[in-house]
Amino acid sequence: MESLLRAAIETAQKAEYAYTKLITPNDVGATGAHQYGFHIHKSGWPMFFDRPGKRGEHLSEHISITWQQELTTGSRAIYYGEKSRNEYRLTRFGKGLPYLTEDHIGDLLVLCRLPKSDYQAFVLQSDEDIEESFAALNISLANANGLVEPQEAARPEDAHGYLSLTTR
């Protein structure tokens, strides 16, 4: 599905913020824990909020996300800072979001915030697509769970027709 890979890369490159993460068993509810939805690393707060969450408070933002350029969900970005919790999550996708199943554990979520709080999400499944996106976004397995660094303008002559960039 090369066109989906291309759309994910190009959207991430033009986004105000782009965030990637490998989908975990906890994200899809496979561990039996009470959490549900995508856990967002603490560094990902700029994706949704104008400031980081603080212990003792609860932040919430309702957003609309378009998945794979075809399905839109009314979702919620939330910071849980009350009691012993100190985490960000992306929740409320409605019934049957196909990307929150055990089949997607290990897939790469590419979440992008475009101007005017337009959110686009892509779930890349094949190892080849994940590797191509890592190369194009200048990330690796070691830093795949977090914000993608801002990138310089691309050189269109780069290999495979994808925009290969370097960080500032």
N, C-alpha and C. Protein backbone atom coordinates (compact mmCIF):
# COMPACT_ATOMS: atom_id res chain seq x y z
N MET A 1 0.84 -1.18 0.00
CA MET A 1 0.00 0.00 0.00
C MET A 1 0.89 1.25 0.00
N GLU A 2 1.60 1.41 -1.06
CA GLU A 2 2.59 2.47 -1.18
C GLU A 2 1.97 3.86 -1.06
N SER A 3 0.76 4.07 -1.55
CA SER A 3 0.16 5.40 -1.48
C SER A 3 -0.12 5.82 -0.03
N LEU A 4 -0.47 4.86 0.83
CA LEU A 4 -0.68 5.17 2.24
C LEU A 4 0.64 5.55 2.91
N LEU A 5 1.70 4.84 2.59
CA LEU A 5 3.02 5.17 3.11
C LEU A 5 3.42 6.57 2.68
N ARG A 6 3.26 6.87 1.42
CA ARG A 6 3.59 8.19 0.90
C ARG A 6 2.77 9.28 1.61
N ALA A 7 1.47 9.04 1.79
CA ALA A 7 0.61 10.02 2.47
C ALA A 7 1.06 10.22 3.91
N ALA A 8 1.41 9.14 4.60
CA ALA A 8 1.87 9.26 6.00
C ALA A 8 3.14 10.10 6.08
N ILE A 9 4.09 9.82 5.21
CA ILE A 9 5.36 10.54 5.23
C ILE A 9 5.15 12.01 4.88
N GLU A 10 4.43 12.28 3.81
CA GLU A 10 4.23 13.66 3.38
C GLU A 10 3.43 14.46 4.41
N THR A 11 2.44 13.83 5.02
CA THR A 11 1.64 14.51 6.04
C THR A 11 2.49 14.83 7.26
N ALA A 12 3.31 13.87 7.70
CA ALA A 12 4.19 14.09 8.85
C ALA A 12 5.19 15.20 8.57
N GLN A 13 5.67 15.27 7.34
CA GLN A 13 6.68 16.27 7.01
C GLN A 13 6.11 17.68 6.97
N LYS A 14 4.83 17.83 6.67
CA LYS A 14 4.24 19.17 6.60
C LYS A 14 3.48 19.55 7.88
N ALA A 15 3.41 18.63 8.83
CA ALA A 15 2.63 18.85 10.05
C ALA A 15 3.29 19.86 10.98
N GLU A 16 2.45 20.54 11.77
CA GLU A 16 2.96 21.38 12.85
C GLU A 16 3.71 20.51 13.85
N TYR A 17 3.10 19.37 14.17
CA TYR A 17 3.71 18.36 15.04
C TYR A 17 3.40 17.00 14.45
N ALA A 18 4.36 16.11 14.55
CA ALA A 18 4.16 14.72 14.16
C ALA A 18 4.67 13.85 15.30
N TYR A 19 3.96 12.79 15.56
CA TYR A 19 4.27 11.89 16.67
C TYR A 19 4.20 10.46 16.14
N THR A 20 5.17 9.65 16.51
CA THR A 20 5.13 8.24 16.12
C THR A 20 5.23 7.36 17.36
N LYS A 21 4.67 6.18 17.24
CA LYS A 21 4.81 5.19 18.30
C LYS A 21 4.48 3.82 17.75
N LEU A 22 5.14 2.82 18.28
CA LEU A 22 4.79 1.45 17.97
C LEU A 22 3.64 1.05 18.88
N ILE A 23 2.61 0.50 18.31
CA ILE A 23 1.40 0.14 19.07
C ILE A 23 1.73 -1.03 19.99
N THR A 24 1.36 -0.88 21.27
CA THR A 24 1.68 -1.87 22.30
C THR A 24 0.45 -2.67 22.71
N PRO A 25 0.65 -3.81 23.39
CA PRO A 25 -0.49 -4.56 23.92
C PRO A 25 -1.35 -3.72 24.87
N ASN A 26 -0.73 -2.84 25.66
CA ASN A 26 -1.48 -1.97 26.56
C ASN A 26 -2.39 -1.02 25.78
N ASP A 27 -1.92 -0.50 24.65
CA ASP A 27 -2.72 0.42 23.84
C ASP A 27 -4.04 -0.21 23.39
N VAL A 28 -3.99 -1.48 23.03
CA VAL A 28 -5.17 -2.14 22.46
C VAL A 28 -5.97 -2.93 23.49
N GLY A 29 -5.59 -2.83 24.76
CA GLY A 29 -6.33 -3.50 25.82
C GLY A 29 -6.01 -4.98 25.98
N ALA A 30 -4.91 -5.44 25.40
CA ALA A 30 -4.57 -6.87 25.45
C ALA A 30 -3.94 -7.30 26.77
N THR A 31 -3.58 -6.36 27.63
CA THR A 31 -2.92 -6.72 28.90
C THR A 31 -3.91 -6.90 30.04
N GLY A 32 -5.16 -6.55 29.80
CA GLY A 32 -6.16 -6.65 30.85
C GLY A 32 -6.16 -5.46 31.80
N ALA A 33 -5.30 -4.50 31.56
CA ALA A 33 -5.25 -3.29 32.39
C ALA A 33 -6.49 -2.45 32.11
N HIS A 34 -6.78 -1.52 32.98
CA HIS A 34 -7.97 -0.69 32.82
C HIS A 34 -7.79 0.42 31.78
N GLN A 35 -6.55 0.68 31.37
CA GLN A 35 -6.30 1.72 30.39
C GLN A 35 -6.79 1.27 29.02
N TYR A 36 -7.21 2.25 28.22
CA TYR A 36 -7.62 1.96 26.86
C TYR A 36 -7.27 3.16 26.00
N GLY A 37 -6.79 2.91 24.84
CA GLY A 37 -6.39 3.99 23.95
C GLY A 37 -4.88 4.09 23.90
N PHE A 38 -4.41 4.94 23.03
CA PHE A 38 -2.97 5.06 22.79
C PHE A 38 -2.30 5.89 23.87
N HIS A 39 -1.32 5.28 24.52
CA HIS A 39 -0.49 6.00 25.49
C HIS A 39 0.42 6.93 24.69
N ILE A 40 0.53 8.17 25.14
CA ILE A 40 1.38 9.17 24.49
C ILE A 40 2.52 9.51 25.44
N HIS A 41 3.73 9.43 24.96
CA HIS A 41 4.91 9.76 25.78
C HIS A 41 4.77 11.19 26.28
N LYS A 42 5.33 11.46 27.45
CA LYS A 42 5.23 12.80 28.05
C LYS A 42 5.75 13.90 27.14
N SER A 43 6.70 13.59 26.28
CA SER A 43 7.22 14.60 25.35
C SER A 43 6.20 14.98 24.29
N GLY A 44 5.12 14.23 24.16
CA GLY A 44 4.13 14.48 23.13
C GLY A 44 3.06 15.50 23.48
N TRP A 45 3.16 16.14 24.63
CA TRP A 45 2.12 17.09 25.05
C TRP A 45 1.85 18.19 24.03
N PRO A 46 2.84 18.72 23.27
CA PRO A 46 2.52 19.80 22.32
C PRO A 46 1.56 19.37 21.20
N MET A 47 1.38 18.08 21.00
CA MET A 47 0.43 17.61 20.00
C MET A 47 -0.99 18.09 20.31
N PHE A 48 -1.30 18.26 21.61
CA PHE A 48 -2.67 18.52 22.01
C PHE A 48 -2.88 19.73 22.90
N PHE A 49 -1.86 20.11 23.66
CA PHE A 49 -2.04 21.14 24.68
C PHE A 49 -1.04 22.28 24.49
N ASP A 50 -1.36 23.44 25.07
CA ASP A 50 -0.46 24.58 24.96
C ASP A 50 0.59 24.62 26.08
N ARG A 51 0.51 23.66 26.99
CA ARG A 51 1.49 23.54 28.07
C ARG A 51 1.47 22.11 28.58
N PRO A 52 2.55 21.67 29.21
CA PRO A 52 2.55 20.31 29.75
C PRO A 52 1.62 20.21 30.97
N GLY A 53 1.09 19.02 31.17
CA GLY A 53 0.25 18.78 32.35
C GLY A 53 1.08 18.78 33.61
N LYS A 54 0.43 19.12 34.72
CA LYS A 54 1.09 19.15 36.03
C LYS A 54 0.40 18.18 36.97
N ARG A 55 1.19 17.62 37.86
CA ARG A 55 0.65 16.71 38.86
C ARG A 55 -0.52 17.37 39.57
N GLY A 56 -1.55 16.61 39.81
CA GLY A 56 -2.71 17.12 40.53
C GLY A 56 -3.79 17.68 39.62
N GLU A 57 -3.55 17.74 38.32
CA GLU A 57 -4.56 18.28 37.41
C GLU A 57 -4.94 17.28 36.34
N HIS A 58 -5.99 17.63 35.65
CA HIS A 58 -6.56 16.79 34.60
C HIS A 58 -6.80 17.70 33.40
N LEU A 59 -6.14 17.44 32.28
CA LEU A 59 -6.35 18.21 31.05
C LEU A 59 -7.07 17.33 30.04
N SER A 60 -7.94 17.94 29.25
CA SER A 60 -8.67 17.18 28.25
C SER A 60 -8.96 18.07 27.05
N GLU A 61 -8.82 17.51 25.87
CA GLU A 61 -9.09 18.25 24.63
C GLU A 61 -9.81 17.30 23.67
N HIS A 62 -10.98 17.72 23.19
CA HIS A 62 -11.71 16.94 22.20
C HIS A 62 -11.20 17.30 20.82
N ILE A 63 -10.89 16.26 20.05
CA ILE A 63 -10.31 16.46 18.72
C ILE A 63 -10.97 15.51 17.72
N SER A 64 -10.83 15.83 16.47
CA SER A 64 -11.29 14.97 15.39
C SER A 64 -10.06 14.44 14.66
N ILE A 65 -10.02 13.13 14.44
CA ILE A 65 -8.87 12.50 13.79
C ILE A 65 -9.36 11.76 12.55
N THR A 66 -8.70 11.99 11.43
CA THR A 66 -8.98 11.21 10.22
C THR A 66 -7.91 10.13 10.11
N TRP A 67 -8.36 8.87 10.09
CA TRP A 67 -7.50 7.70 10.07
C TRP A 67 -7.39 7.17 8.64
N GLN A 68 -6.15 6.95 8.19
CA GLN A 68 -5.88 6.35 6.88
C GLN A 68 -6.60 7.09 5.76
N GLN A 69 -6.88 8.35 5.94
CA GLN A 69 -7.53 9.22 4.95
C GLN A 69 -8.97 8.82 4.64
N GLU A 70 -9.61 8.05 5.54
CA GLU A 70 -10.96 7.61 5.21
C GLU A 70 -11.95 7.57 6.37
N LEU A 71 -11.49 7.31 7.58
CA LEU A 71 -12.37 7.17 8.73
C LEU A 71 -12.08 8.29 9.72
N THR A 72 -13.12 9.00 10.15
CA THR A 72 -12.92 10.10 11.10
C THR A 72 -13.57 9.74 12.43
N THR A 73 -12.83 10.01 13.52
CA THR A 73 -13.35 9.77 14.86
C THR A 73 -13.34 11.05 15.67
N GLY A 74 -14.33 11.20 16.53
CA GLY A 74 -14.32 12.24 17.55
C GLY A 74 -13.60 11.64 18.73
N SER A 75 -12.43 12.13 19.05
CA SER A 75 -11.57 11.52 20.06
C SER A 75 -11.25 12.51 21.17
N ARG A 76 -10.47 12.06 22.13
CA ARG A 76 -10.08 12.92 23.24
C ARG A 76 -8.62 12.69 23.59
N ALA A 77 -7.88 13.78 23.68
CA ALA A 77 -6.52 13.75 24.22
C ALA A 77 -6.67 14.11 25.69
N ILE A 78 -6.01 13.36 26.54
CA ILE A 78 -6.19 13.57 27.97
C ILE A 78 -4.87 13.44 28.71
N TYR A 79 -4.71 14.28 29.72
CA TYR A 79 -3.59 14.15 30.65
C TYR A 79 -4.20 13.78 31.99
N TYR A 80 -3.76 12.64 32.53
CA TYR A 80 -4.16 12.20 33.86
C TYR A 80 -3.02 12.54 34.81
N GLY A 81 -3.22 13.52 35.69
CA GLY A 81 -2.19 13.88 36.65
C GLY A 81 -2.66 13.74 38.07
N GLU A 82 -3.82 13.13 38.25
CA GLU A 82 -4.39 13.01 39.58
C GLU A 82 -3.92 11.73 40.27
N LYS A 83 -3.84 11.80 41.58
CA LYS A 83 -3.40 10.70 42.43
C LYS A 83 -2.05 10.18 41.95
N SER A 84 -1.95 8.89 41.69
CA SER A 84 -0.65 8.32 41.31
C SER A 84 -0.40 8.37 39.80
N ARG A 85 -1.37 8.84 39.03
CA ARG A 85 -1.22 8.83 37.58
C ARG A 85 -0.48 10.07 37.09
N ASN A 86 0.26 9.88 36.02
CA ASN A 86 1.02 10.97 35.40
C ASN A 86 1.27 10.56 33.94
N GLU A 87 0.19 10.62 33.12
CA GLU A 87 0.32 10.11 31.76
C GLU A 87 -0.65 10.80 30.81
N TYR A 88 -0.29 10.74 29.53
CA TYR A 88 -1.13 11.25 28.45
C TYR A 88 -1.69 10.05 27.69
N ARG A 89 -2.94 10.19 27.21
CA ARG A 89 -3.56 9.15 26.41
C ARG A 89 -4.43 9.78 25.34
N LEU A 90 -4.63 9.03 24.30
CA LEU A 90 -5.55 9.38 23.23
C LEU A 90 -6.67 8.35 23.29
N THR A 91 -7.91 8.81 23.54
CA THR A 91 -9.03 7.90 23.79
C THR A 91 -10.26 8.30 22.97
N ARG A 92 -11.35 7.59 23.21
CA ARG A 92 -12.67 7.84 22.61
C ARG A 92 -12.63 7.83 21.08
N PHE A 93 -12.65 6.64 20.56
CA PHE A 93 -12.60 6.48 19.10
C PHE A 93 -13.92 5.97 18.54
N GLY A 94 -14.89 5.76 19.42
CA GLY A 94 -16.13 5.14 18.97
C GLY A 94 -15.95 3.64 18.91
N LYS A 95 -17.01 2.96 18.60
CA LYS A 95 -16.95 1.50 18.54
C LYS A 95 -16.28 1.03 17.26
N GLY A 96 -15.43 0.06 17.41
CA GLY A 96 -14.88 -0.63 16.26
C GLY A 96 -13.75 0.03 15.52
N LEU A 97 -12.97 0.93 16.17
CA LEU A 97 -11.80 1.45 15.47
C LEU A 97 -10.89 0.26 15.15
N PRO A 98 -10.65 -0.01 13.88
CA PRO A 98 -9.93 -1.24 13.53
C PRO A 98 -8.47 -1.28 13.95
N TYR A 99 -7.90 -0.16 14.36
CA TYR A 99 -6.48 -0.10 14.70
C TYR A 99 -6.21 -0.34 16.18
N LEU A 100 -7.26 -0.60 16.95
CA LEU A 100 -7.12 -0.90 18.38
C LEU A 100 -7.40 -2.37 18.64
N THR A 101 -6.80 -3.23 17.84
CA THR A 101 -6.95 -4.67 18.01
C THR A 101 -5.56 -5.30 18.13
N GLU A 102 -5.54 -6.51 18.65
CA GLU A 102 -4.27 -7.21 18.83
C GLU A 102 -3.53 -7.42 17.52
N ASP A 103 -4.25 -7.42 16.41
CA ASP A 103 -3.61 -7.58 15.09
C ASP A 103 -2.65 -6.43 14.79
N HIS A 104 -2.81 -5.30 15.47
CA HIS A 104 -2.00 -4.12 15.17
C HIS A 104 -0.86 -3.88 16.17
N ILE A 105 -0.68 -4.80 17.12
CA ILE A 105 0.45 -4.69 18.03
C ILE A 105 1.74 -4.74 17.21
N GLY A 106 2.61 -3.77 17.42
CA GLY A 106 3.87 -3.70 16.69
C GLY A 106 3.80 -2.82 15.45
N ASP A 107 2.59 -2.44 15.02
CA ASP A 107 2.45 -1.52 13.89
C ASP A 107 2.88 -0.12 14.32
N LEU A 108 3.15 0.73 13.35
CA LEU A 108 3.59 2.09 13.64
C LEU A 108 2.43 3.06 13.48
N LEU A 109 2.11 3.80 14.54
CA LEU A 109 1.14 4.88 14.50
C LEU A 109 1.88 6.16 14.17
N VAL A 110 1.44 6.85 13.13
CA VAL A 110 1.97 8.16 12.76
C VAL A 110 0.82 9.14 12.94
N LEU A 111 0.93 10.00 13.93
CA LEU A 111 -0.12 10.96 14.25
C LEU A 111 0.39 12.36 13.93
N CYS A 112 -0.39 13.11 13.18
CA CYS A 112 0.04 14.42 12.71
C CYS A 112 -0.98 15.49 13.08
N ARG A 113 -0.48 16.63 13.58
CA ARG A 113 -1.34 17.79 13.81
C ARG A 113 -0.99 18.83 12.76
N LEU A 114 -1.97 19.09 11.92
CA LEU A 114 -1.82 20.08 10.86
C LEU A 114 -2.41 21.40 11.34
N PRO A 115 -2.24 22.48 10.59
CA PRO A 115 -2.85 23.75 11.00
C PRO A 115 -4.35 23.62 11.25
N LYS A 116 -4.85 24.48 12.11
CA LYS A 116 -6.27 24.51 12.48
C LYS A 116 -6.71 23.23 13.20
N SER A 117 -5.77 22.62 13.92
CA SER A 117 -6.04 21.41 14.70
C SER A 117 -6.69 20.30 13.87
N ASP A 118 -6.22 20.15 12.65
CA ASP A 118 -6.63 19.06 11.78
C ASP A 118 -5.70 17.89 12.08
N TYR A 119 -6.22 16.81 12.63
CA TYR A 119 -5.40 15.65 12.98
C TYR A 119 -5.58 14.55 11.95
N GLN A 120 -4.46 14.00 11.52
CA GLN A 120 -4.44 12.88 10.58
C GLN A 120 -3.62 11.76 11.23
N ALA A 121 -4.11 10.53 11.11
CA ALA A 121 -3.40 9.39 11.68
C ALA A 121 -3.26 8.29 10.63
N PHE A 122 -2.13 7.62 10.70
CA PHE A 122 -1.83 6.52 9.80
C PHE A 122 -1.29 5.36 10.63
N VAL A 123 -1.69 4.16 10.29
CA VAL A 123 -1.15 2.97 10.93
C VAL A 123 -0.46 2.16 9.84
N LEU A 124 0.86 2.06 9.97
CA LEU A 124 1.67 1.34 8.99
C LEU A 124 1.96 -0.05 9.52
N GLN A 125 1.69 -1.05 8.70
CA GLN A 125 1.76 -2.43 9.18
C GLN A 125 3.00 -3.19 8.75
N SER A 126 3.43 -3.04 7.54
CA SER A 126 4.53 -3.89 7.06
C SER A 126 5.88 -3.38 7.58
N ASP A 127 6.79 -4.30 7.80
CA ASP A 127 8.14 -3.93 8.25
C ASP A 127 8.79 -2.99 7.23
N GLU A 128 8.56 -3.24 5.96
CA GLU A 128 9.14 -2.39 4.91
C GLU A 128 8.61 -0.95 5.01
N ASP A 129 7.30 -0.80 5.21
CA ASP A 129 6.71 0.54 5.34
C ASP A 129 7.24 1.25 6.59
N ILE A 130 7.35 0.52 7.67
CA ILE A 130 7.86 1.10 8.92
C ILE A 130 9.31 1.56 8.72
N GLU A 131 10.12 0.73 8.11
CA GLU A 131 11.52 1.10 7.86
C GLU A 131 11.62 2.31 6.94
N GLU A 132 10.79 2.36 5.88
CA GLU A 132 10.80 3.50 4.96
C GLU A 132 10.40 4.78 5.69
N SER A 133 9.40 4.69 6.56
CA SER A 133 8.97 5.88 7.29
C SER A 133 10.04 6.33 8.28
N PHE A 134 10.71 5.39 8.94
CA PHE A 134 11.81 5.73 9.84
C PHE A 134 12.88 6.51 9.08
N ALA A 135 13.24 6.02 7.90
CA ALA A 135 14.29 6.67 7.11
C ALA A 135 13.84 8.06 6.67
N ALA A 136 12.62 8.19 6.19
CA ALA A 136 12.14 9.48 5.68
C ALA A 136 11.96 10.51 6.79
N LEU A 137 11.61 10.05 8.00
CA LEU A 137 11.36 10.97 9.11
C LEU A 137 12.58 11.11 10.03
N ASN A 138 13.67 10.44 9.67
CA ASN A 138 14.91 10.52 10.42
C ASN A 138 14.73 10.08 11.87
N ILE A 139 14.07 8.93 12.04
CA ILE A 139 13.91 8.33 13.36
C ILE A 139 14.39 6.89 13.30
N SER A 140 14.50 6.27 14.46
CA SER A 140 14.92 4.88 14.54
C SER A 140 14.02 4.17 15.54
N LEU A 141 14.21 2.89 15.67
CA LEU A 141 13.44 2.12 16.64
C LEU A 141 13.63 2.68 18.05
N ALA A 142 14.83 3.17 18.35
CA ALA A 142 15.15 3.70 19.67
C ALA A 142 14.36 4.98 20.00
N ASN A 143 14.02 5.78 19.01
CA ASN A 143 13.28 7.02 19.29
C ASN A 143 11.95 7.07 18.54
N ALA A 144 11.35 5.90 18.31
CA ALA A 144 10.10 5.82 17.56
C ALA A 144 8.88 6.21 18.40
N ASN A 145 9.04 6.39 19.70
CA ASN A 145 7.92 6.74 20.56
C ASN A 145 8.09 8.17 21.03
N GLY A 146 7.68 9.11 20.19
CA GLY A 146 7.80 10.52 20.57
C GLY A 146 7.57 11.44 19.39
N LEU A 147 7.80 12.71 19.64
CA LEU A 147 7.66 13.72 18.60
C LEU A 147 8.76 13.55 17.56
N VAL A 148 8.39 13.78 16.32
CA VAL A 148 9.36 13.77 15.24
C VAL A 148 9.97 15.16 15.20
N GLU A 149 11.29 15.23 15.12
CA GLU A 149 11.98 16.52 15.09
C GLU A 149 11.58 17.32 13.86
N PRO A 150 11.48 18.65 13.97
CA PRO A 150 11.22 19.48 12.78
C PRO A 150 12.27 19.21 11.72
N GLN A 151 11.87 19.32 10.48
CA GLN A 151 12.76 18.93 9.40
C GLN A 151 12.95 20.04 8.38
N GLU A 152 14.10 19.99 7.71
CA GLU A 152 14.44 20.94 6.65
C GLU A 152 13.64 20.63 5.40
N ALA A 153 13.64 21.55 4.47
CA ALA A 153 12.99 21.31 3.18
C ALA A 153 13.66 20.14 2.49
N ALA A 154 12.88 19.36 1.80
CA ALA A 154 13.38 18.14 1.19
C ALA A 154 14.00 18.39 -0.17
N ARG A 155 14.81 17.43 -0.58
CA ARG A 155 15.37 17.42 -1.93
C ARG A 155 14.56 16.42 -2.73
N PRO A 156 13.82 16.85 -3.75
CA PRO A 156 12.94 15.93 -4.47
C PRO A 156 13.66 14.81 -5.20
N GLU A 157 14.95 14.93 -5.43
CA GLU A 157 15.67 13.90 -6.17
C GLU A 157 16.08 12.72 -5.31
N ASP A 158 15.71 12.70 -4.02
CA ASP A 158 16.13 11.62 -3.14
C ASP A 158 15.53 10.28 -3.57
N ALA A 159 16.15 9.22 -3.12
CA ALA A 159 15.79 7.86 -3.52
C ALA A 159 14.32 7.54 -3.28
N HIS A 160 13.80 6.68 -4.08
CA HIS A 160 12.43 6.16 -4.01
C HIS A 160 11.36 7.22 -4.21
N GLY A 161 11.72 8.44 -4.53
CA GLY A 161 10.71 9.48 -4.68
C GLY A 161 10.18 10.00 -3.37
N TYR A 162 10.67 9.47 -2.23
CA TYR A 162 10.21 9.94 -0.93
C TYR A 162 11.09 11.10 -0.49
N LEU A 163 10.55 11.90 0.36
CA LEU A 163 11.26 13.07 0.84
C LEU A 163 12.13 12.66 2.01
N SER A 164 13.41 12.60 1.81
CA SER A 164 14.35 12.24 2.84
C SER A 164 14.93 13.53 3.43
N LEU A 165 14.80 13.67 4.74
CA LEU A 165 15.14 14.94 5.36
C LEU A 165 16.18 14.80 6.46
N THR A 166 16.76 15.93 6.82
CA THR A 166 17.68 15.97 7.96
C THR A 166 17.10 16.90 9.00
N THR A 167 17.44 16.66 10.26
CA THR A 167 16.91 17.51 11.33
C THR A 167 17.68 18.80 11.42
N ARG A 168 17.05 19.79 12.00
CA ARG A 168 17.66 21.11 12.20
C ARG A 168 18.70 21.07 13.27
